[in-house]
Amino acid sequence: MKFGRLLIVFFLLAALCAGGFAYWLNNALHTAVTHDNDAEYITIEQGSASSRIIEVLGGHGVIQAPTATKIYLRFFKPDAKLEAGDYLFPSPISPLEVLDQLKDGKRRTKTLTIPEGWTRFEIAKRVAAQFPVEPPVSEKDVFAMMDDVSLIKEIDPKAKNLEGYLYPTTYQFELGTHPKAVITKMVQQFKTIWQPEWDELAQNMGRTKREIIIIASLIENESKVDTERPLVASVIYNRLEQGIPLGIDATNVYIAKLLGRWDGIIHKSDVEVDHPYNTRKVYGLPPGPISSASKSAFEAALKPAQTDYLFYVLNVDANDGSHHFYATGSGFAKGKAAYQRWLAGQR
């Protein structure tokens, strides 16, 4: 009898201990605690053992119940995979929430935004500045990387560089990404944006893909208003059909950049220069794209409005970047005069 009572007491004590342990473990794992490192990236190195990872996070105050966390991983989640990466842990956070984040293997990223209408000159400068690597890669080096046309040989065998094929959008790259990989990603994004049916549309228009890309780059610089881009496209096609020089100032800006003399102002010498890209003097399209065009510009180049317009000038009354369009030189002359009066007032 005495032995039986002792046995019962023993089991009761064991049950109480087990219950207390389970309560402690559950409470430790589920309790969210605050820490001071929620704005600090914590790096988990490749190949780190789970015990080492818990120690690192404990040292940063992210896990304040390291013993309970190790017990949980050892006996309840022995197959759990904690991935290397760069992590931001919010505050407060529980050990279980930490372990859940560690499944992802996140790497710290860098945001790169390439505005629509940028040339490879601006793109090279930004990529070099935002993606430093060892050994150092200069802006000039990045610009030279854009001469690697092997990335687009199946798209444009005539291309001499990647102008027009570096798609403008916002990207996320891991820190330490090499500028060459950034350029490759931008070309891949261009290929993703280009729709297969666009090839057929271009063919039906009697245009090559390269010509469409050139025209889209012109449209991109001429208007930022999506709804009027088909009208701009119609002016370009009408002028091409009638053998009228396109007269697009953006090509003169591009020439100044090519010659290394762009200072933000179109000078008389930029307009009068003898150059294949000078659409004031040369009939037809320029030799290649002059910037990175958006999907909207490609669509306008492929689906121009059907008009008899040959001219356009900024709509100064609207003040929204839109334009007035004209079919005759006399109409354009009046619109241009109004624009020049407005411009004089702005100066």
Protein backbone atom coordinates (compact mmCIF):
# COMPACT_ATOMS: atom_id res chain seq x y z
CA MET A 1 0.00 0.00 0.00
CA LYS A 2 2.74 2.40 0.95
CA PHE A 3 4.63 1.58 -2.26
CA GLY A 4 1.50 2.11 -4.31
CA ARG A 5 0.91 5.52 -2.78
CA LEU A 6 4.52 6.48 -3.48
CA LEU A 7 4.12 5.40 -7.07
CA ILE A 8 1.00 7.50 -7.44
CA VAL A 9 2.73 10.51 -5.94
CA PHE A 10 5.65 9.95 -8.28
CA PHE A 11 3.41 9.89 -11.34
CA LEU A 12 1.53 12.95 -10.14
CA LEU A 13 4.77 14.84 -9.65
CA ALA A 14 6.00 13.70 -13.06
CA ALA A 15 2.74 14.82 -14.63
CA LEU A 16 2.96 18.17 -12.89
CA CYS A 17 6.56 18.59 -14.07
CA ALA A 18 5.63 17.59 -17.60
CA GLY A 19 2.69 19.95 -17.57
CA GLY A 20 4.80 22.76 -16.20
CA PHE A 21 7.48 22.09 -18.80
CA ALA A 22 4.90 22.03 -21.62
CA TYR A 23 3.38 25.27 -20.35
CA TRP A 24 6.80 26.93 -20.11
CA LEU A 25 7.84 25.75 -23.56
CA ASN A 26 4.57 26.77 -25.18
CA ASN A 27 4.60 30.14 -23.49
CA ALA A 28 8.25 30.81 -24.39
CA LEU A 29 7.73 29.89 -28.03
CA HIS A 30 4.54 31.88 -28.55
CA THR A 31 5.31 35.01 -26.56
CA ALA A 32 6.25 37.96 -28.76
CA VAL A 33 9.02 40.05 -27.26
CA THR A 34 10.32 43.47 -28.18
CA HIS A 35 13.88 44.12 -29.31
CA ASP A 36 15.91 47.11 -30.50
CA ASN A 37 17.21 45.68 -33.78
CA ASP A 38 14.06 45.79 -35.95
CA ALA A 39 15.74 48.23 -38.38
CA GLU A 40 18.97 46.22 -38.57
CA TYR A 41 19.62 43.48 -41.10
CA ILE A 42 20.91 40.33 -39.43
CA THR A 43 22.95 38.03 -41.66
CA ILE A 44 22.72 34.27 -41.25
CA GLU A 45 25.77 32.78 -42.88
CA GLN A 46 25.60 29.84 -45.27
CA GLY A 47 26.11 26.49 -43.50
CA SER A 48 25.29 27.77 -40.00
CA ALA A 49 23.97 25.10 -37.63
CA SER A 50 20.57 25.76 -36.06
CA SER A 51 22.12 26.11 -32.59
CA ARG A 52 24.52 28.72 -33.93
CA ILE A 53 21.67 30.60 -35.62
CA ILE A 54 19.74 30.72 -32.33
CA GLU A 55 22.83 32.04 -30.55
CA VAL A 56 23.29 34.79 -33.15
CA LEU A 57 19.66 35.87 -32.89
CA GLY A 58 19.81 35.62 -29.10
CA GLY A 59 22.81 37.93 -29.13
CA HIS A 60 20.77 40.48 -31.09
CA GLY A 61 17.86 40.18 -28.68
CA VAL A 62 15.54 38.83 -31.38
CA ILE A 63 15.14 35.45 -29.63
CA GLN A 64 14.98 35.91 -25.86
CA ALA A 65 14.17 32.27 -25.15
CA PRO A 66 17.11 30.50 -26.82
CA THR A 67 16.95 27.39 -24.63
CA ALA A 68 13.27 26.79 -25.34
CA THR A 69 13.88 27.40 -29.05
CA LYS A 70 16.74 24.89 -29.17
CA ILE A 71 14.66 22.27 -27.32
CA TYR A 72 11.81 22.81 -29.77
CA LEU A 73 14.08 22.35 -32.78
CA ARG A 74 15.89 19.36 -31.27
CA PHE A 75 12.89 17.30 -30.20
CA PHE A 76 9.89 18.61 -32.12
CA LYS A 77 11.28 19.97 -35.44
CA PRO A 78 14.50 18.07 -36.09
CA ASP A 79 14.01 18.39 -39.86
CA ALA A 80 13.39 22.15 -39.84
CA LYS A 81 15.51 24.03 -42.40
CA LEU A 82 16.79 27.43 -41.36
CA GLU A 83 18.04 29.18 -44.48
CA ALA A 84 20.96 31.56 -44.81
CA GLY A 85 20.10 35.12 -45.76
CA ASP A 86 19.70 38.71 -44.65
CA TYR A 87 16.72 39.25 -42.39
CA LEU A 88 14.78 42.11 -40.87
CA PHE A 89 12.88 40.90 -37.80
CA PRO A 90 9.98 43.10 -36.65
CA SER A 91 9.48 43.96 -33.02
CA PRO A 92 7.78 42.41 -31.13
CA ILE A 93 8.25 38.89 -32.48
CA SER A 94 7.96 35.38 -31.03
CA PRO A 95 10.51 32.57 -31.48
CA LEU A 96 8.04 30.64 -33.66
CA GLU A 97 7.59 33.69 -35.90
CA VAL A 98 11.36 34.00 -36.16
CA LEU A 99 11.69 30.36 -37.19
CA ASP A 100 8.93 30.84 -39.76
CA GLN A 101 10.86 33.74 -41.35
CA LEU A 102 14.04 31.69 -41.42
CA LYS A 103 12.42 29.28 -43.87
CA ASP A 104 12.59 31.84 -46.68
CA GLY A 105 16.31 32.42 -47.09
CA LYS A 106 15.84 36.10 -47.87
CA ARG A 107 18.69 38.20 -49.17
CA ARG A 108 18.98 41.94 -48.67
CA THR A 109 17.84 43.71 -51.81
CA LYS A 110 18.48 46.98 -53.59
CA THR A 111 15.76 48.84 -55.47
CA LEU A 112 16.70 50.11 -58.91
CA THR A 113 14.30 52.40 -60.77
CA ILE A 114 14.91 53.13 -64.45
CA PRO A 115 12.56 55.89 -65.66
CA GLU A 116 10.89 55.61 -69.05
CA GLY A 117 12.78 57.44 -71.77
CA TRP A 118 16.22 57.07 -70.22
CA THR A 119 19.18 56.38 -72.49
CA ARG A 120 21.98 53.95 -71.76
CA PHE A 121 24.05 56.96 -70.64
CA GLU A 122 21.77 57.67 -67.67
CA ILE A 123 21.25 53.98 -67.00
CA ALA A 124 25.00 53.24 -66.88
CA LYS A 125 25.55 56.08 -64.41
CA ARG A 126 22.82 54.87 -62.04
CA VAL A 127 23.79 51.19 -62.21
CA ALA A 128 27.46 51.97 -61.51
CA ALA A 129 26.50 54.16 -58.53
CA GLN A 130 24.01 51.75 -56.97
CA PHE A 131 25.84 48.46 -57.51
CA PRO A 132 29.42 48.81 -56.30
CA VAL A 133 31.46 45.62 -56.55
CA GLU A 134 35.02 44.42 -56.13
CA PRO A 135 37.03 44.94 -58.20
CA PRO A 136 35.39 48.35 -58.83
CA VAL A 137 33.30 48.83 -61.97
CA SER A 138 33.08 52.39 -63.24
CA GLU A 139 30.30 54.14 -65.15
CA LYS A 140 32.46 53.83 -68.26
CA ASP A 141 32.81 50.09 -67.65
CA VAL A 142 29.04 49.65 -67.30
CA PHE A 143 28.48 51.66 -70.47
CA ALA A 144 30.92 49.36 -72.30
CA MET A 145 28.97 46.33 -71.04
CA MET A 146 25.99 47.67 -72.96
CA ASP A 147 27.85 46.96 -76.20
CA ASP A 148 27.36 43.23 -75.64
CA VAL A 149 24.71 42.64 -78.28
CA SER A 150 24.86 38.86 -77.84
CA LEU A 151 21.99 39.36 -75.37
CA ILE A 152 19.69 40.47 -78.22
CA LYS A 153 21.16 38.77 -81.28
CA GLU A 154 17.94 36.81 -81.88
CA ILE A 155 15.88 40.01 -81.60
CA ASP A 156 17.98 42.53 -83.46
CA PRO A 157 21.00 41.19 -85.37
CA LYS A 158 21.75 44.73 -86.61
CA ALA A 159 22.07 46.24 -83.13
CA LYS A 160 25.43 47.74 -82.18
CA ASN A 161 24.50 48.21 -78.51
CA LEU A 162 21.65 47.64 -76.07
CA GLU A 163 20.03 51.06 -76.47
CA GLY A 164 16.27 50.55 -76.47
CA TYR A 165 16.48 47.03 -75.01
CA LEU A 166 17.00 47.95 -71.34
CA TYR A 167 13.42 47.96 -70.12
CA PRO A 168 12.46 50.90 -67.87
CA THR A 169 10.79 49.81 -64.64
CA THR A 170 11.56 49.22 -60.93
CA TYR A 171 13.72 46.22 -60.10
CA GLN A 172 14.81 44.42 -56.95
CA PHE A 173 18.33 42.99 -56.86
CA GLU A 174 20.28 41.28 -54.10
CA LEU A 175 23.03 43.41 -52.60
CA GLY A 176 26.30 42.63 -54.31
CA THR A 177 24.71 41.92 -57.67
CA HIS A 178 27.20 42.61 -60.44
CA PRO A 179 26.27 45.38 -62.92
CA LYS A 180 26.52 42.84 -65.75
CA ALA A 181 23.75 40.80 -64.11
CA VAL A 182 21.67 43.97 -63.72
CA ILE A 183 21.98 44.69 -67.44
CA THR A 184 21.08 41.10 -68.30
CA LYS A 185 17.96 41.31 -66.14
CA MET A 186 16.84 44.51 -67.87
CA VAL A 187 17.18 42.87 -71.27
CA GLN A 188 15.28 39.82 -70.01
CA GLN A 189 12.51 42.15 -68.81
CA PHE A 190 12.34 43.69 -72.28
CA LYS A 191 11.89 40.20 -73.76
CA THR A 192 9.14 39.51 -71.22
CA ILE A 193 7.27 42.72 -72.04
CA TRP A 194 7.46 42.22 -75.80
CA GLN A 195 4.32 40.29 -76.78
CA PRO A 196 4.57 37.52 -79.42
CA GLU A 197 1.63 38.97 -81.35
CA TRP A 198 3.52 42.24 -81.76
CA ASP A 199 5.81 40.57 -84.31
CA GLU A 200 2.80 39.85 -86.49
CA LEU A 201 1.45 43.38 -86.06
CA ALA A 202 4.80 44.81 -87.13
CA GLN A 203 4.94 42.51 -90.14
CA ASN A 204 1.41 43.52 -91.18
CA MET A 205 2.53 47.16 -91.04
CA GLY A 206 5.51 46.41 -93.23
CA ARG A 207 7.86 47.19 -90.38
CA THR A 208 10.64 45.21 -88.72
CA LYS A 209 10.81 44.71 -84.96
CA ARG A 210 13.85 46.99 -84.92
CA GLU A 211 11.92 49.78 -86.63
CA ILE A 212 9.06 49.48 -84.15
CA ILE A 213 11.52 49.71 -81.25
CA ILE A 214 13.10 52.83 -82.80
CA ILE A 215 9.70 54.46 -83.32
CA ALA A 216 8.61 53.57 -79.77
CA SER A 217 11.75 55.24 -78.40
CA LEU A 218 10.84 58.41 -80.29
CA ILE A 219 7.25 58.33 -79.02
CA GLU A 220 8.48 57.80 -75.46
CA ASN A 221 10.40 61.07 -75.59
CA GLU A 222 7.76 63.08 -77.43
CA SER A 223 4.82 62.52 -75.10
CA LYS A 224 4.33 61.24 -71.56
CA VAL A 225 0.54 61.20 -71.97
CA ASP A 226 -0.43 57.63 -72.79
CA THR A 227 -3.75 58.52 -74.41
CA GLU A 228 -2.16 60.78 -77.05
CA ARG A 229 0.77 58.55 -77.92
CA PRO A 230 -1.13 56.92 -80.83
CA LEU A 231 -1.56 60.47 -82.23
CA VAL A 232 2.17 61.10 -81.97
CA ALA A 233 2.71 57.77 -83.71
CA SER A 234 0.38 58.86 -86.50
CA VAL A 235 2.45 62.01 -87.07
CA ILE A 236 5.64 59.94 -87.32
CA TYR A 237 4.12 57.49 -89.81
CA ASN A 238 2.51 60.26 -91.86
CA ARG A 239 5.82 62.08 -92.16
CA LEU A 240 7.65 58.89 -93.08
CA GLU A 241 5.06 58.16 -95.76
CA GLN A 242 5.26 61.67 -97.22
CA GLY A 243 9.04 61.87 -97.07
CA ILE A 244 9.10 64.70 -94.51
CA PRO A 245 11.97 64.78 -91.98
CA LEU A 246 10.68 63.79 -88.55
CA GLY A 247 12.23 66.84 -86.88
CA ILE A 248 12.20 65.26 -83.42
CA ASP A 249 14.34 67.30 -81.03
CA ALA A 250 14.96 64.28 -78.78
CA THR A 251 17.25 62.91 -81.48
CA ASN A 252 19.34 66.08 -81.28
CA VAL A 253 19.57 65.64 -77.53
CA TYR A 254 20.72 62.09 -78.13
CA ILE A 255 23.40 63.30 -80.54
CA ALA A 256 24.72 65.71 -77.89
CA LYS A 257 24.93 62.83 -75.42
CA LEU A 258 26.71 60.65 -77.98
CA LEU A 259 29.22 63.44 -78.55
CA GLY A 260 29.64 64.04 -74.82
CA ARG A 261 28.45 67.64 -74.91
CA TRP A 262 24.90 67.55 -73.55
CA ASP A 263 24.43 70.28 -70.92
CA GLY A 264 20.65 70.25 -70.61
CA ILE A 265 20.02 72.74 -73.43
CA ILE A 266 19.61 72.17 -77.17
CA HIS A 267 22.04 74.55 -78.85
CA LYS A 268 22.03 75.73 -82.45
CA SER A 269 25.06 73.51 -83.09
CA ASP A 270 23.06 70.48 -81.90
CA VAL A 271 20.33 71.23 -84.42
CA GLU A 272 22.64 71.94 -87.34
CA VAL A 273 25.10 69.08 -86.78
CA ASP A 274 25.56 66.61 -89.63
CA HIS A 275 24.80 63.30 -87.98
CA PRO A 276 22.79 60.16 -88.86
CA TYR A 277 20.56 60.75 -85.82
CA ASN A 278 19.67 64.32 -86.77
CA THR A 279 16.03 63.92 -87.83
CA ARG A 280 15.87 67.58 -88.81
CA LYS A 281 18.22 66.86 -91.71
CA VAL A 282 18.04 63.12 -92.35
CA TYR A 283 14.96 61.60 -93.94
CA GLY A 284 13.48 58.48 -92.38
CA LEU A 285 14.17 56.88 -89.03
CA PRO A 286 17.37 57.36 -87.06
CA PRO A 287 19.85 54.45 -87.18
CA GLY A 288 18.73 53.02 -83.84
CA PRO A 289 16.60 53.58 -80.72
CA ILE A 290 17.33 56.71 -78.70
CA SER A 291 16.02 55.54 -75.31
CA SER A 292 14.26 52.84 -73.33
CA ALA A 293 10.58 52.81 -74.24
CA SER A 294 7.65 51.61 -72.16
CA LYS A 295 4.93 49.14 -73.09
CA SER A 296 2.61 52.08 -73.80
CA ALA A 297 5.01 53.46 -76.39
CA PHE A 298 5.38 50.06 -78.08
CA GLU A 299 1.61 49.72 -78.30
CA ALA A 300 1.31 53.20 -79.82
CA ALA A 301 3.99 52.38 -82.40
CA LEU A 302 2.12 49.20 -83.33
CA LYS A 303 -1.37 50.71 -83.24
CA PRO A 304 -1.10 54.33 -84.40
CA ALA A 305 -4.18 56.49 -84.73
CA GLN A 306 -5.41 57.05 -88.28
CA THR A 307 -5.07 60.79 -88.83
CA ASP A 308 -3.75 63.32 -91.33
CA TYR A 309 -1.70 65.10 -88.65
CA LEU A 310 1.83 66.20 -89.53
CA PHE A 311 2.62 68.52 -86.62
CA TYR A 312 2.11 68.89 -82.89
CA VAL A 313 3.03 71.46 -80.28
CA LEU A 314 2.78 71.54 -76.50
CA ASN A 315 -0.64 72.49 -75.14
CA VAL A 316 0.38 75.25 -72.74
CA ASP A 317 -3.17 75.88 -71.57
CA ALA A 318 -3.68 72.34 -70.32
CA ASN A 319 -0.34 72.29 -68.45
CA ASP A 320 -0.41 68.48 -68.37
CA GLY A 321 2.22 67.65 -70.98
CA SER A 322 -0.34 67.09 -73.73
CA HIS A 323 -0.15 68.55 -77.24
CA HIS A 324 -2.20 70.20 -79.96
CA PHE A 325 -2.07 68.36 -83.30
CA TYR A 326 -2.26 69.92 -86.76
CA ALA A 327 -2.64 68.69 -90.33
CA THR A 328 -1.44 71.94 -91.96
CA GLY A 329 1.59 74.12 -91.63
CA SER A 330 -0.53 77.23 -91.09
CA GLY A 331 -2.32 75.67 -88.13
CA PHE A 332 0.95 74.54 -86.67
CA ALA A 333 2.47 78.02 -87.14
CA LYS A 334 -0.27 79.56 -85.00
CA GLY A 335 0.12 76.91 -82.31
CA LYS A 336 3.89 77.31 -82.33
CA ALA A 337 3.60 81.07 -82.01
CA ALA A 338 1.37 80.68 -78.95
CA TYR A 339 3.85 78.23 -77.48
CA GLN A 340 6.79 80.59 -78.06
CA ARG A 341 4.93 83.45 -76.39
CA TRP A 342 4.29 81.22 -73.41
CA LEU A 343 7.91 80.09 -73.37
CA ALA A 344 9.13 83.70 -73.43
CA GLY A 345 6.90 84.43 -70.45
CA GLN A 346 8.32 81.45 -68.56
CA ARG A 347 11.83 82.71 -69.10
